[in-house]
Amino acid sequence: MPEAFSVSVHPLAGSRGAVRFSLTPWTPLVRLHEALATTGQTVGVPGGKPTAVFRPHLGIAYNNRDRAAAPIIERVAALRARPTVPVRVEHVDLVRLRCEGAQYRWDVLHRVPLAS
């Protein structure tokens, strides 16, 4: 398992499909995704996407309707001047994700600490 690491959480960004925070650097997140994807395949965990299409972000809101991006981008524009925030990634949670109505819900099944 990879070691614990820090990332920077950047101000909100909007798009046609979501409101999200960008995360940098991508390298430790991509390495963690690769390790988890490989382990998941080895033990038979269903689902998941290849690391090659993984785009690290912290999702805040998702849009399930077809709409233009401009109004969303305009709404979060005032928040773009906020400073970045450092975040330490020290564990990974295995969750059971489900959709209830228009909301995602999850239960933590297992927590794995990253090496420090």
PDB file of N, CA and C in Angstrom:
ATOM      1  N   MET A   1       0.854  -1.178   0.000  1.00  0.00           N
ATOM      2  CA  MET A   1       0.000   0.000   0.000  1.00  0.00           C
ATOM      3  C   MET A   1       0.895   1.234   0.000  1.00  0.00           C
ATOM      4  N   PRO A   2       0.528   2.247  -0.777  1.00  0.00           N
ATOM      5  CA  PRO A   2       1.319   3.488  -0.805  1.00  0.00           C
ATOM      6  C   PRO A   2       1.370   4.175   0.560  1.00  0.00           C
ATOM      7  N   GLU A   3       2.290   5.104   0.667  1.00  0.00           N
ATOM      8  CA  GLU A   3       2.434   5.875   1.901  1.00  0.00           C
ATOM      9  C   GLU A   3       1.431   7.027   1.926  1.00  0.00           C
ATOM     10  N   ALA A   4       1.160   7.526   3.140  1.00  0.00           N
ATOM     11  CA  ALA A   4       0.324   8.715   3.297  1.00  0.00           C
ATOM     12  C   ALA A   4       0.978   9.878   2.546  1.00  0.00           C
ATOM     13  N   PHE A   5       0.178  10.836   2.115  1.00  0.00           N
ATOM     14  CA  PHE A   5       0.691  11.962   1.339  1.00  0.00           C
ATOM     15  C   PHE A   5      -0.222  13.170   1.532  1.00  0.00           C
ATOM     16  N   SER A   6       0.244  14.312   1.057  1.00  0.00           N
ATOM     17  CA  SER A   6      -0.540  15.538   1.120  1.00  0.00           C
ATOM     18  C   SER A   6      -0.879  16.006  -0.283  1.00  0.00           C
ATOM     19  N   VAL A   7      -2.041  16.634  -0.411  1.00  0.00           N
ATOM     20  CA  VAL A   7      -2.463  17.266  -1.659  1.00  0.00           C
ATOM     21  C   VAL A   7      -2.988  18.652  -1.332  1.00  0.00           C
ATOM     22  N   SER A   8      -3.086  19.476  -2.354  1.00  0.00           N
ATOM     23  CA  SER A   8      -3.687  20.801  -2.213  1.00  0.00           C
ATOM     24  C   SER A   8      -5.072  20.767  -2.839  1.00  0.00           C
ATOM     25  N   VAL A   9      -6.032  21.317  -2.099  1.00  0.00           N
ATOM     26  CA  VAL A   9      -7.401  21.435  -2.593  1.00  0.00           C
ATOM     27  C   VAL A   9      -7.564  22.866  -3.092  1.00  0.00           C
ATOM     28  N   HIS A  10      -7.872  22.993  -4.371  1.00  0.00           N
ATOM     29  CA  HIS A  10      -7.955  24.302  -5.018  1.00  0.00           C
ATOM     30  C   HIS A  10      -9.393  24.807  -5.032  1.00  0.00           C
ATOM     31  N   PRO A  11      -9.584  26.115  -5.225  1.00  0.00           N
ATOM     32  CA  PRO A  11     -10.925  26.690  -5.204  1.00  0.00           C
ATOM     33  C   PRO A  11     -11.891  25.997  -6.164  1.00  0.00           C
ATOM     34  N   LEU A  12     -13.176  26.161  -5.871  1.00  0.00           N
ATOM     35  CA  LEU A  12     -14.244  25.530  -6.647  1.00  0.00           C
ATOM     36  C   LEU A  12     -14.158  25.843  -8.128  1.00  0.00           C
ATOM     37  N   ALA A  13     -14.535  24.865  -8.911  1.00  0.00           N
ATOM     38  CA  ALA A  13     -14.674  25.031 -10.352  1.00  0.00           C
ATOM     39  C   ALA A  13     -16.025  24.459 -10.743  1.00  0.00           C
ATOM     40  N   GLY A  14     -16.636  25.035 -11.737  1.00  0.00           N
ATOM     41  CA  GLY A  14     -17.920  24.543 -12.221  1.00  0.00           C
ATOM     42  C   GLY A  14     -17.801  24.055 -13.645  1.00  0.00           C
ATOM     43  N   SER A  15     -18.671  23.123 -13.995  1.00  0.00           N
ATOM     44  CA  SER A  15     -18.736  22.615 -15.363  1.00  0.00           C
ATOM     45  C   SER A  15     -20.180  22.231 -15.638  1.00  0.00           C
ATOM     46  N   ARG A  16     -20.446  21.740 -16.819  1.00  0.00           N
ATOM     47  CA  ARG A  16     -21.796  21.327 -17.190  1.00  0.00           C
ATOM     48  C   ARG A  16     -22.306  20.220 -16.286  1.00  0.00           C
ATOM     49  N   GLY A  17     -21.405  19.366 -15.790  1.00  0.00           N
ATOM     50  CA  GLY A  17     -21.841  18.200 -15.042  1.00  0.00           C
ATOM     51  C   GLY A  17     -21.569  18.212 -13.555  1.00  0.00           C
ATOM     52  N   ALA A  18     -20.806  19.217 -13.055  1.00  0.00           N
ATOM     53  CA  ALA A  18     -20.444  19.137 -11.642  1.00  0.00           C
ATOM     54  C   ALA A  18     -19.894  20.460 -11.112  1.00  0.00           C
ATOM     55  N   VAL A  19     -19.857  20.509  -9.784  1.00  0.00           N
ATOM     56  CA  VAL A  19     -19.104  21.525  -9.066  1.00  0.00           C
ATOM     57  C   VAL A  19     -18.074  20.739  -8.276  1.00  0.00           C
ATOM     58  N   ARG A  20     -16.811  21.131  -8.398  1.00  0.00           N
ATOM     59  CA  ARG A  20     -15.759  20.315  -7.800  1.00  0.00           C
ATOM     60  C   ARG A  20     -14.578  21.174  -7.382  1.00  0.00           C
ATOM     61  N   PHE A  21     -13.770  20.588  -6.505  1.00  0.00           N
ATOM     62  CA  PHE A  21     -12.478  21.149  -6.172  1.00  0.00           C
ATOM     63  C   PHE A  21     -11.445  20.377  -6.981  1.00  0.00           C
ATOM     64  N   SER A  22     -10.452  21.071  -7.515  1.00  0.00           N
ATOM     65  CA  SER A  22      -9.324  20.401  -8.165  1.00  0.00           C
ATOM     66  C   SER A  22      -8.310  20.025  -7.101  1.00  0.00           C
ATOM     67  N   LEU A  23      -7.580  18.952  -7.337  1.00  0.00           N
ATOM     68  CA  LEU A  23      -6.558  18.468  -6.410  1.00  0.00           C
ATOM     69  C   LEU A  23      -5.217  18.393  -7.122  1.00  0.00           C
ATOM     70  N   THR A  24      -4.154  18.807  -6.428  1.00  0.00           N
ATOM     71  CA  THR A  24      -2.802  18.657  -6.961  1.00  0.00           C
ATOM     72  C   THR A  24      -1.858  18.332  -5.814  1.00  0.00           C
ATOM     73  N   PRO A  25      -0.764  17.680  -6.065  1.00  0.00           N
ATOM     74  CA  PRO A  25      -0.380  17.088  -7.347  1.00  0.00           C
ATOM     75  C   PRO A  25      -1.156  15.797  -7.606  1.00  0.00           C
ATOM     76  N   TRP A  26      -1.263  15.444  -8.857  1.00  0.00           N
ATOM     77  CA  TRP A  26      -1.993  14.233  -9.228  1.00  0.00           C
ATOM     78  C   TRP A  26      -1.193  12.958  -8.962  1.00  0.00           C
ATOM     79  N   THR A  27       0.108  13.031  -9.011  1.00  0.00           N
ATOM     80  CA  THR A  27       0.945  11.827  -8.961  1.00  0.00           C
ATOM     81  C   THR A  27       0.623  10.893  -7.795  1.00  0.00           C
ATOM     82  N   PRO A  28       0.575  11.333  -6.544  1.00  0.00           N
ATOM     83  CA  PRO A  28       0.276  10.378  -5.470  1.00  0.00           C
ATOM     84  C   PRO A  28      -1.142   9.828  -5.548  1.00  0.00           C
ATOM     85  N   LEU A  29      -2.079  10.623  -6.044  1.00  0.00           N
ATOM     86  CA  LEU A  29      -3.459  10.152  -6.191  1.00  0.00           C
ATOM     87  C   LEU A  29      -3.566   9.097  -7.293  1.00  0.00           C
ATOM     88  N   VAL A  30      -2.858   9.313  -8.384  1.00  0.00           N
ATOM     89  CA  VAL A  30      -2.862   8.333  -9.479  1.00  0.00           C
ATOM     90  C   VAL A  30      -2.197   7.034  -9.027  1.00  0.00           C
ATOM     91  N   ARG A  31      -1.093   7.134  -8.292  1.00  0.00           N
ATOM     92  CA  ARG A  31      -0.429   5.924  -7.775  1.00  0.00           C
ATOM     93  C   ARG A  31      -1.344   5.159  -6.816  1.00  0.00           C
ATOM     94  N   LEU A  32      -2.046   5.881  -5.959  1.00  0.00           N
ATOM     95  CA  LEU A  32      -2.983   5.236  -5.036  1.00  0.00           C
ATOM     96  C   LEU A  32      -4.113   4.560  -5.806  1.00  0.00           C
ATOM     97  N   HIS A  33      -4.659   5.244  -6.793  1.00  0.00           N
ATOM     98  CA  HIS A  33      -5.725   4.655  -7.621  1.00  0.00           C
ATOM     99  C   HIS A  33      -5.244   3.374  -8.291  1.00  0.00           C
ATOM    100  N   GLU A  34      -4.041   3.427  -8.839  1.00  0.00           N
ATOM    101  CA  GLU A  34      -3.475   2.252  -9.516  1.00  0.00           C
ATOM    102  C   GLU A  34      -3.322   1.079  -8.542  1.00  0.00           C
ATOM    103  N   ALA A  35      -2.811   1.358  -7.339  1.00  0.00           N
ATOM    104  CA  ALA A  35      -2.639   0.296  -6.342  1.00  0.00           C
ATOM    105  C   ALA A  35      -3.989  -0.283  -5.924  1.00  0.00           C
ATOM    106  N   LEU A  36      -4.976   0.579  -5.732  1.00  0.00           N
ATOM    107  CA  LEU A  36      -6.303   0.103  -5.332  1.00  0.00           C
ATOM    108  C   LEU A  36      -6.987  -0.670  -6.454  1.00  0.00           C
ATOM    109  N   ALA A  37      -6.859  -0.180  -7.691  1.00  0.00           N
ATOM    110  CA  ALA A  37      -7.466  -0.869  -8.827  1.00  0.00           C
ATOM    111  C   ALA A  37      -6.859  -2.260  -9.009  1.00  0.00           C
ATOM    112  N   THR A  38      -5.544  -2.336  -8.899  1.00  0.00           N
ATOM    113  CA  THR A  38      -4.862  -3.630  -9.032  1.00  0.00           C
ATOM    114  C   THR A  38      -5.288  -4.585  -7.921  1.00  0.00           C
ATOM    115  N   THR A  39      -5.316  -4.103  -6.701  1.00  0.00           N
ATOM    116  CA  THR A  39      -5.733  -4.935  -5.569  1.00  0.00           C
ATOM    117  C   THR A  39      -7.179  -5.372  -5.734  1.00  0.00           C
ATOM    118  N   GLY A  40      -8.040  -4.448  -6.140  1.00  0.00           N
ATOM    119  CA  GLY A  40      -9.445  -4.780  -6.344  1.00  0.00           C
ATOM    120  C   GLY A  40      -9.644  -5.865  -7.385  1.00  0.00           C
ATOM    121  N   GLN A  41      -8.921  -5.772  -8.484  1.00  0.00           N
ATOM    122  CA  GLN A  41      -9.010  -6.805  -9.525  1.00  0.00           C
ATOM    123  C   GLN A  41      -8.525  -8.149  -8.991  1.00  0.00           C
ATOM    124  N   THR A  42      -7.458  -8.119  -8.206  1.00  0.00           N
ATOM    125  CA  THR A  42      -6.873  -9.353  -7.666  1.00  0.00           C
ATOM    126  C   THR A  42      -7.838 -10.082  -6.744  1.00  0.00           C
ATOM    127  N   VAL A  43      -8.579  -9.327  -5.929  1.00  0.00           N
ATOM    128  CA  VAL A  43      -9.489  -9.960  -4.957  1.00  0.00           C
ATOM    129  C   VAL A  43     -10.932 -10.027  -5.447  1.00  0.00           C
ATOM    130  N   GLY A  44     -11.192  -9.559  -6.674  1.00  0.00           N
ATOM    131  CA  GLY A  44     -12.512  -9.700  -7.264  1.00  0.00           C
ATOM    132  C   GLY A  44     -13.534  -8.632  -6.904  1.00  0.00           C
ATOM    133  N   VAL A  45     -13.064  -7.419  -6.564  1.00  0.00           N
ATOM    134  CA  VAL A  45     -14.003  -6.327  -6.307  1.00  0.00           C
ATOM    135  C   VAL A  45     -14.561  -5.857  -7.650  1.00  0.00           C
ATOM    136  N   PRO A  46     -15.890  -5.842  -7.799  1.00  0.00           N
ATOM    137  CA  PRO A  46     -16.475  -5.450  -9.089  1.00  0.00           C
ATOM    138  C   PRO A  46     -16.398  -3.945  -9.326  1.00  0.00           C
ATOM    139  N   GLY A  47     -16.502  -3.566 -10.601  1.00  0.00           N
ATOM    140  CA  GLY A  47     -16.568  -2.155 -10.963  1.00  0.00           C
ATOM    141  C   GLY A  47     -15.211  -1.504 -11.044  1.00  0.00           C
ATOM    142  N   GLY A  48     -15.247  -0.185 -11.034  1.00  0.00           N
ATOM    143  CA  GLY A  48     -14.009   0.575 -11.117  1.00  0.00           C
ATOM    144  C   GLY A  48     -13.670   0.940 -12.545  1.00  0.00           C
ATOM    145  N   LYS A  49     -12.883   1.979 -12.663  1.00  0.00           N
ATOM    146  CA  LYS A  49     -12.431   2.444 -13.970  1.00  0.00           C
ATOM    147  C   LYS A  49     -10.919   2.324 -14.036  1.00  0.00           C
ATOM    148  N   PRO A  50     -10.377   2.196 -15.243  1.00  0.00           N
ATOM    149  CA  PRO A  50      -8.923   2.119 -15.382  1.00  0.00           C
ATOM    150  C   PRO A  50      -8.256   3.407 -14.904  1.00  0.00           C
ATOM    151  N   THR A  51      -7.069   3.288 -14.373  1.00  0.00           N
ATOM    152  CA  THR A  51      -6.321   4.447 -13.891  1.00  0.00           C
ATOM    153  C   THR A  51      -6.084   5.443 -15.024  1.00  0.00           C
ATOM    154  N   ALA A  52      -5.971   4.981 -16.253  1.00  0.00           N
ATOM    155  CA  ALA A  52      -5.719   5.873 -17.387  1.00  0.00           C
ATOM    156  C   ALA A  52      -6.808   6.930 -17.562  1.00  0.00           C
ATOM    157  N   VAL A  53      -8.034   6.673 -17.094  1.00  0.00           N
ATOM    158  CA  VAL A  53      -9.112   7.656 -17.235  1.00  0.00           C
ATOM    159  C   VAL A  53      -9.438   8.363 -15.912  1.00  0.00           C
ATOM    160  N   PHE A  54      -8.666   8.084 -14.855  1.00  0.00           N
ATOM    161  CA  PHE A  54      -8.879   8.694 -13.550  1.00  0.00           C
ATOM    162  C   PHE A  54      -8.452  10.158 -13.578  1.00  0.00           C
ATOM    163  N   ARG A  55      -9.334  11.056 -13.161  1.00  0.00           N
ATOM    164  CA  ARG A  55      -9.062  12.492 -13.077  1.00  0.00           C
ATOM    165  C   ARG A  55      -9.319  12.932 -11.641  1.00  0.00           C
ATOM    166  N   PRO A  56      -8.261  13.089 -10.831  1.00  0.00           N
ATOM    167  CA  PRO A  56      -8.444  13.428  -9.420  1.00  0.00           C
ATOM    168  C   PRO A  56      -9.218  14.731  -9.206  1.00  0.00           C
ATOM    169  N   HIS A  57     -10.224  14.673  -8.370  1.00  0.00           N
ATOM    170  CA  HIS A  57     -11.022  15.842  -8.004  1.00  0.00           C
ATOM    171  C   HIS A  57     -11.799  15.515  -6.730  1.00  0.00           C
ATOM    172  N   LEU A  58     -12.365  16.513  -6.134  1.00  0.00           N
ATOM    173  CA  LEU A  58     -13.209  16.345  -4.965  1.00  0.00           C
ATOM    174  C   LEU A  58     -14.576  16.901  -5.352  1.00  0.00           C
ATOM    175  N   GLY A  59     -15.507  15.995  -5.667  1.00  0.00           N
ATOM    176  CA  GLY A  59     -16.821  16.399  -6.135  1.00  0.00           C
ATOM    177  C   GLY A  59     -17.681  16.957  -5.011  1.00  0.00           C
ATOM    178  N   ILE A  60     -18.364  18.039  -5.284  1.00  0.00           N
ATOM    179  CA  ILE A  60     -19.253  18.687  -4.333  1.00  0.00           C
ATOM    180  C   ILE A  60     -20.709  18.493  -4.753  1.00  0.00           C
ATOM    181  N   ALA A  61     -20.976  18.645  -6.034  1.00  0.00           N
ATOM    182  CA  ALA A  61     -22.340  18.479  -6.552  1.00  0.00           C
ATOM    183  C   ALA A  61     -22.249  17.963  -7.980  1.00  0.00           C
ATOM    184  N   TYR A  62     -23.153  17.054  -8.307  1.00  0.00           N
ATOM    185  CA  TYR A  62     -23.206  16.512  -9.657  1.00  0.00           C
ATOM    186  C   TYR A  62     -24.553  16.853 -10.280  1.00  0.00           C
ATOM    187  N   ASN A  63     -24.539  17.052 -11.589  1.00  0.00           N
ATOM    188  CA  ASN A  63     -25.744  17.407 -12.322  1.00  0.00           C
ATOM    189  C   ASN A  63     -26.170  16.231 -13.178  1.00  0.00           C
ATOM    190  N   ASN A  64     -27.416  15.827 -13.027  1.00  0.00           N
ATOM    191  CA  ASN A  64     -27.897  14.700 -13.832  1.00  0.00           C
ATOM    192  C   ASN A  64     -28.826  15.158 -14.952  1.00  0.00           C
ATOM    193  N   ARG A  65     -28.807  16.463 -15.262  1.00  0.00           N
ATOM    194  CA  ARG A  65     -29.614  17.001 -16.356  1.00  0.00           C
ATOM    195  C   ARG A  65     -28.710  17.630 -17.403  1.00  0.00           C
ATOM    196  N   ASP A  66     -29.221  17.716 -18.618  1.00  0.00           N
ATOM    197  CA  ASP A  66     -28.477  18.383 -19.687  1.00  0.00           C
ATOM    198  C   ASP A  66     -28.662  19.891 -19.510  1.00  0.00           C
ATOM    199  N   ARG A  67     -27.568  20.600 -19.220  1.00  0.00           N
ATOM    200  CA  ARG A  67     -27.637  22.053 -19.049  1.00  0.00           C
ATOM    201  C   ARG A  67     -26.314  22.682 -19.457  1.00  0.00           C
ATOM    202  N   ALA A  68     -26.366  23.973 -19.706  1.00  0.00           N
ATOM    203  CA  ALA A  68     -25.171  24.716 -20.113  1.00  0.00           C
ATOM    204  C   ALA A  68     -24.228  24.901 -18.924  1.00  0.00           C
ATOM    205  N   ALA A  69     -22.947  24.950 -19.202  1.00  0.00           N
ATOM    206  CA  ALA A  69     -21.942  25.121 -18.158  1.00  0.00           C
ATOM    207  C   ALA A  69     -21.832  26.565 -17.673  1.00  0.00           C
ATOM    208  N   ALA A  70     -22.091  27.541 -18.529  1.00  0.00           N
ATOM    209  CA  ALA A  70     -21.859  28.952 -18.194  1.00  0.00           C
ATOM    210  C   ALA A  70     -22.530  29.402 -16.901  1.00  0.00           C
ATOM    211  N   PRO A  71     -23.801  29.106 -16.657  1.00  0.00           N
ATOM    212  CA  PRO A  71     -24.414  29.567 -15.405  1.00  0.00           C
ATOM    213  C   PRO A  71     -23.759  28.961 -14.159  1.00  0.00           C
ATOM    214  N   ILE A  72     -23.328  27.737 -14.248  1.00  0.00           N
ATOM    215  CA  ILE A  72     -22.675  27.087 -13.102  1.00  0.00           C
ATOM    216  C   ILE A  72     -21.311  27.720 -12.856  1.00  0.00           C
ATOM    217  N   ILE A  73     -20.566  27.930 -13.926  1.00  0.00           N
ATOM    218  CA  ILE A  73     -19.249  28.553 -13.814  1.00  0.00           C
ATOM    219  C   ILE A  73     -19.391  29.959 -13.226  1.00  0.00           C
ATOM    220  N   GLU A  74     -20.389  30.709 -13.672  1.00  0.00           N
ATOM    221  CA  GLU A  74     -20.619  32.059 -13.144  1.00  0.00           C
ATOM    222  C   GLU A  74     -20.959  32.031 -11.648  1.00  0.00           C
ATOM    223  N   ARG A  75     -21.738  31.056 -11.211  1.00  0.00           N
ATOM    224  CA  ARG A  75     -22.153  30.983  -9.801  1.00  0.00           C
ATOM    225  C   ARG A  75     -20.978  30.715  -8.869  1.00  0.00           C
ATOM    226  N   VAL A  76     -19.999  29.942  -9.306  1.00  0.00           N
ATOM    227  CA  VAL A  76     -18.863  29.632  -8.428  1.00  0.00           C
ATOM    228  C   VAL A  76     -17.669  30.557  -8.659  1.00  0.00           C
ATOM    229  N   ALA A  77     -17.760  31.454  -9.629  1.00  0.00           N
ATOM    230  CA  ALA A  77     -16.625  32.330  -9.977  1.00  0.00           C
ATOM    231  C   ALA A  77     -16.144  33.151  -8.788  1.00  0.00           C
ATOM    232  N   ALA A  78     -17.042  33.641  -7.963  1.00  0.00           N
ATOM    233  CA  ALA A  78     -16.641  34.468  -6.819  1.00  0.00           C
ATOM    234  C   ALA A  78     -15.817  33.675  -5.808  1.00  0.00           C
ATOM    235  N   LEU A  79     -15.956  32.374  -5.802  1.00  0.00           N
ATOM    236  CA  LEU A  79     -15.226  31.524  -4.867  1.00  0.00           C
ATOM    237  C   LEU A  79     -13.845  31.123  -5.381  1.00  0.00           C
ATOM    238  N   ARG A  80     -13.553  31.460  -6.620  1.00  0.00           N
ATOM    239  CA  ARG A  80     -12.278  31.056  -7.222  1.00  0.00           C
ATOM    240  C   ARG A  80     -11.079  31.760  -6.584  1.00  0.00           C
ATOM    241  N   ALA A  81     -11.307  32.872  -5.911  1.00  0.00           N
ATOM    242  CA  ALA A  81     -10.200  33.616  -5.308  1.00  0.00           C
ATOM    243  C   ALA A  81      -9.797  33.060  -3.943  1.00  0.00           C
ATOM    244  N   ARG A  82     -10.520  32.099  -3.452  1.00  0.00           N
ATOM    245  CA  ARG A  82     -10.205  31.513  -2.143  1.00  0.00           C
ATOM    246  C   ARG A  82      -8.844  30.819  -2.210  1.00  0.00           C
ATOM    247  N   PRO A  83      -8.115  30.784  -1.102  1.00  0.00           N
ATOM    248  CA  PRO A  83      -6.794  30.125  -1.107  1.00  0.00           C
ATOM    249  C   PRO A  83      -6.923  28.599  -1.173  1.00  0.00           C
ATOM    250  N   THR A  84      -5.862  27.972  -1.613  1.00  0.00           N
ATOM    251  CA  THR A  84      -5.824  26.511  -1.596  1.00  0.00           C
ATOM    252  C   THR A  84      -5.689  26.042  -0.156  1.00  0.00           C
ATOM    253  N   VAL A  85      -6.079  24.803   0.071  1.00  0.00           N
ATOM    254  CA  VAL A  85      -6.041  24.223   1.416  1.00  0.00           C
ATOM    255  C   VAL A  85      -5.259  22.911   1.346  1.00  0.00           C
ATOM    256  N   PRO A  86      -4.246  22.727   2.199  1.00  0.00           N
ATOM    257  CA  PRO A  86      -3.532  21.440   2.211  1.00  0.00           C
ATOM    258  C   PRO A  86      -4.347  20.389   2.960  1.00  0.00           C
ATOM    259  N   VAL A  87      -4.334  19.173   2.440  1.00  0.00           N
ATOM    260  CA  VAL A  87      -5.058  18.054   3.051  1.00  0.00           C
ATOM    261  C   VAL A  87      -4.134  16.842   3.085  1.00  0.00           C
ATOM    262  N   ARG A  88      -4.100  16.169   4.205  1.00  0.00           N
ATOM    263  CA  ARG A  88      -3.284  14.957   4.362  1.00  0.00           C
ATOM    264  C   ARG A  88      -4.172  13.747   4.102  1.00  0.00           C
ATOM    265  N   VAL A  89      -3.723  12.848   3.239  1.00  0.00           N
ATOM    266  CA  VAL A  89      -4.436  11.604   2.932  1.00  0.00           C
ATOM    267  C   VAL A  89      -3.729  10.497   3.698  1.00  0.00           C
ATOM    268  N   GLU A  90      -4.391   9.981   4.738  1.00  0.00           N
ATOM    269  CA  GLU A  90      -3.764   9.010   5.633  1.00  0.00           C
ATOM    270  C   GLU A  90      -4.427   7.646   5.638  1.00  0.00           C
ATOM    271  N   HIS A  91      -5.591   7.521   5.004  1.00  0.00           N
ATOM    272  CA  HIS A  91      -6.271   6.226   4.942  1.00  0.00           C
ATOM    273  C   HIS A  91      -7.183   6.176   3.721  1.00  0.00           C
ATOM    274  N   VAL A  92      -7.611   4.971   3.406  1.00  0.00           N
ATOM    275  CA  VAL A  92      -8.541   4.722   2.308  1.00  0.00           C
ATOM    276  C   VAL A  92      -9.721   3.967   2.889  1.00  0.00           C
ATOM    277  N   ASP A  93     -10.932   4.376   2.517  1.00  0.00           N
ATOM    278  CA  ASP A  93     -12.132   3.670   2.960  1.00  0.00           C
ATOM    279  C   ASP A  93     -12.723   2.866   1.807  1.00  0.00           C
ATOM    280  N   LEU A  94     -13.048   1.613   2.076  1.00  0.00           N
ATOM    281  CA  LEU A  94     -13.819   0.797   1.145  1.00  0.00           C
ATOM    282  C   LEU A  94     -15.275   1.047   1.486  1.00  0.00           C
ATOM    283  N   VAL A  95     -16.047   1.523   0.511  1.00  0.00           N
ATOM    284  CA  VAL A  95     -17.434   1.878   0.774  1.00  0.00           C
ATOM    285  C   VAL A  95     -18.380   1.118  -0.145  1.00  0.00           C
ATOM    286  N   ARG A  96     -19.603   0.974   0.330  1.00  0.00           N
ATOM    287  CA  ARG A  96     -20.704   0.480  -0.507  1.00  0.00           C
ATOM    288  C   ARG A  96     -21.494   1.723  -0.895  1.00  0.00           C
ATOM    289  N   LEU A  97     -21.475   2.072  -2.175  1.00  0.00           N
ATOM    290  CA  LEU A  97     -22.118   3.276  -2.686  1.00  0.00           C
ATOM    291  C   LEU A  97     -23.481   2.927  -3.250  1.00  0.00           C
ATOM    292  N   ARG A  98     -24.452   3.781  -2.945  1.00  0.00           N
ATOM    293  CA  ARG A  98     -25.796   3.570  -3.479  1.00  0.00           C
ATOM    294  C   ARG A  98     -26.421   4.927  -3.791  1.00  0.00           C
ATOM    295  N   CYS A  99     -27.400   4.916  -4.657  1.00  0.00           N
ATOM    296  CA  CYS A  99     -28.123   6.131  -5.001  1.00  0.00           C
ATOM    297  C   CYS A  99     -29.515   6.033  -4.385  1.00  0.00           C
ATOM    298  N   GLU A 100     -29.860   7.020  -3.574  1.00  0.00           N
ATOM    299  CA  GLU A 100     -31.190   7.093  -2.963  1.00  0.00           C
ATOM    300  C   GLU A 100     -31.858   8.354  -3.494  1.00  0.00           C
ATOM    301  N   GLY A 101     -32.817   8.164  -4.393  1.00  0.00           N
ATOM    302  CA  GLY A 101     -33.441   9.319  -5.031  1.00  0.00           C
ATOM    303  C   GLY A 101     -32.411  10.045  -5.863  1.00  0.00           C
ATOM    304  N   ALA A 102     -32.167  11.314  -5.549  1.00  0.00           N
ATOM    305  CA  ALA A 102     -31.195  12.116  -6.289  1.00  0.00           C
ATOM    306  C   ALA A 102     -29.899  12.293  -5.507  1.00  0.00           C
ATOM    307  N   GLN A 103     -29.670  11.464  -4.476  1.00  0.00           N
ATOM    308  CA  GLN A 103     -28.481  11.616  -3.641  1.00  0.00           C
ATOM    309  C   GLN A 103     -27.683  10.322  -3.578  1.00  0.00           C
ATOM    310  N   TYR A 104     -26.365  10.493  -3.529  1.00  0.00           N
ATOM    311  CA  TYR A 104     -25.497   9.357  -3.275  1.00  0.00           C
ATOM    312  C   TYR A 104     -25.371   9.172  -1.769  1.00  0.00           C
ATOM    313  N   ARG A 105     -25.389   7.930  -1.335  1.00  0.00           N
ATOM    314  CA  ARG A 105     -25.173   7.572   0.072  1.00  0.00           C
ATOM    315  C   ARG A 105     -24.160   6.437   0.088  1.00  0.00           C
ATOM    316  N   TRP A 106     -23.438   6.303   1.195  1.00  0.00           N
ATOM    317  CA  TRP A 106     -22.474   5.216   1.289  1.00  0.00           C
ATOM    318  C   TRP A 106     -22.323   4.754   2.718  1.00  0.00           C
ATOM    319  N   ASP A 107     -21.865   3.517   2.842  1.00  0.00           N
ATOM    320  CA  ASP A 107     -21.520   2.922   4.124  1.00  0.00           C
ATOM    321  C   ASP A 107     -20.057   2.523   4.047  1.00  0.00           C
ATOM    322  N   VAL A 108     -19.288   2.862   5.082  1.00  0.00           N
ATOM    323  CA  VAL A 108     -17.889   2.457   5.138  1.00  0.00           C
ATOM    324  C   VAL A 108     -17.839   1.000   5.581  1.00  0.00           C
ATOM    325  N   LEU A 109     -17.243   0.154   4.739  1.00  0.00           N
ATOM    326  CA  LEU A 109     -17.119  -1.274   5.043  1.00  0.00           C
ATOM    327  C   LEU A 109     -15.800  -1.606   5.710  1.00  0.00           C
ATOM    328  N   HIS A 110     -14.753  -0.864   5.316  1.00  0.00           N
ATOM    329  CA  HIS A 110     -13.427  -1.154   5.853  1.00  0.00           C
ATOM    330  C   HIS A 110     -12.524   0.060   5.666  1.00  0.00           C
ATOM    331  N   ARG A 111     -11.669   0.347   6.625  1.00  0.00           N
ATOM    332  CA  ARG A 111     -10.702   1.449   6.533  1.00  0.00           C
ATOM    333  C   ARG A 111      -9.291   0.853   6.522  1.00  0.00           C
ATOM    334  N   VAL A 112      -8.476   1.311   5.557  1.00  0.00           N
ATOM    335  CA  VAL A 112      -7.094   0.854   5.439  1.00  0.00           C
ATOM    336  C   VAL A 112      -6.174   2.050   5.636  1.00  0.00           C
ATOM    337  N   PRO A 113      -5.359   2.030   6.693  1.00  0.00           N
ATOM    338  CA  PRO A 113      -4.413   3.142   6.874  1.00  0.00           C
ATOM    339  C   PRO A 113      -3.283   3.041   5.851  1.00  0.00           C
ATOM    340  N   LEU A 114      -2.848   4.200   5.360  1.00  0.00           N
ATOM    341  CA  LEU A 114      -1.687   4.238   4.488  1.00  0.00           C
ATOM    342  C   LEU A 114      -0.447   4.290   5.369  1.00  0.00           C
ATOM    343  N   ALA A 115       0.638   3.732   4.870  1.00  0.00           N
ATOM    344  CA  ALA A 115       1.897   3.739   5.639  1.00  0.00           C
ATOM    345  C   ALA A 115       2.316   5.180   5.894  1.00  0.00           C
ATOM    346  N   SER A 116       2.866   5.420   7.088  1.00  0.00           N
ATOM    347  CA  SER A 116       3.293   6.794   7.380  1.00  0.00           C
ATOM    348  C   SER A 116       4.788   6.938   7.355  1.00  0.00           C
TER     349      SER A 116
END
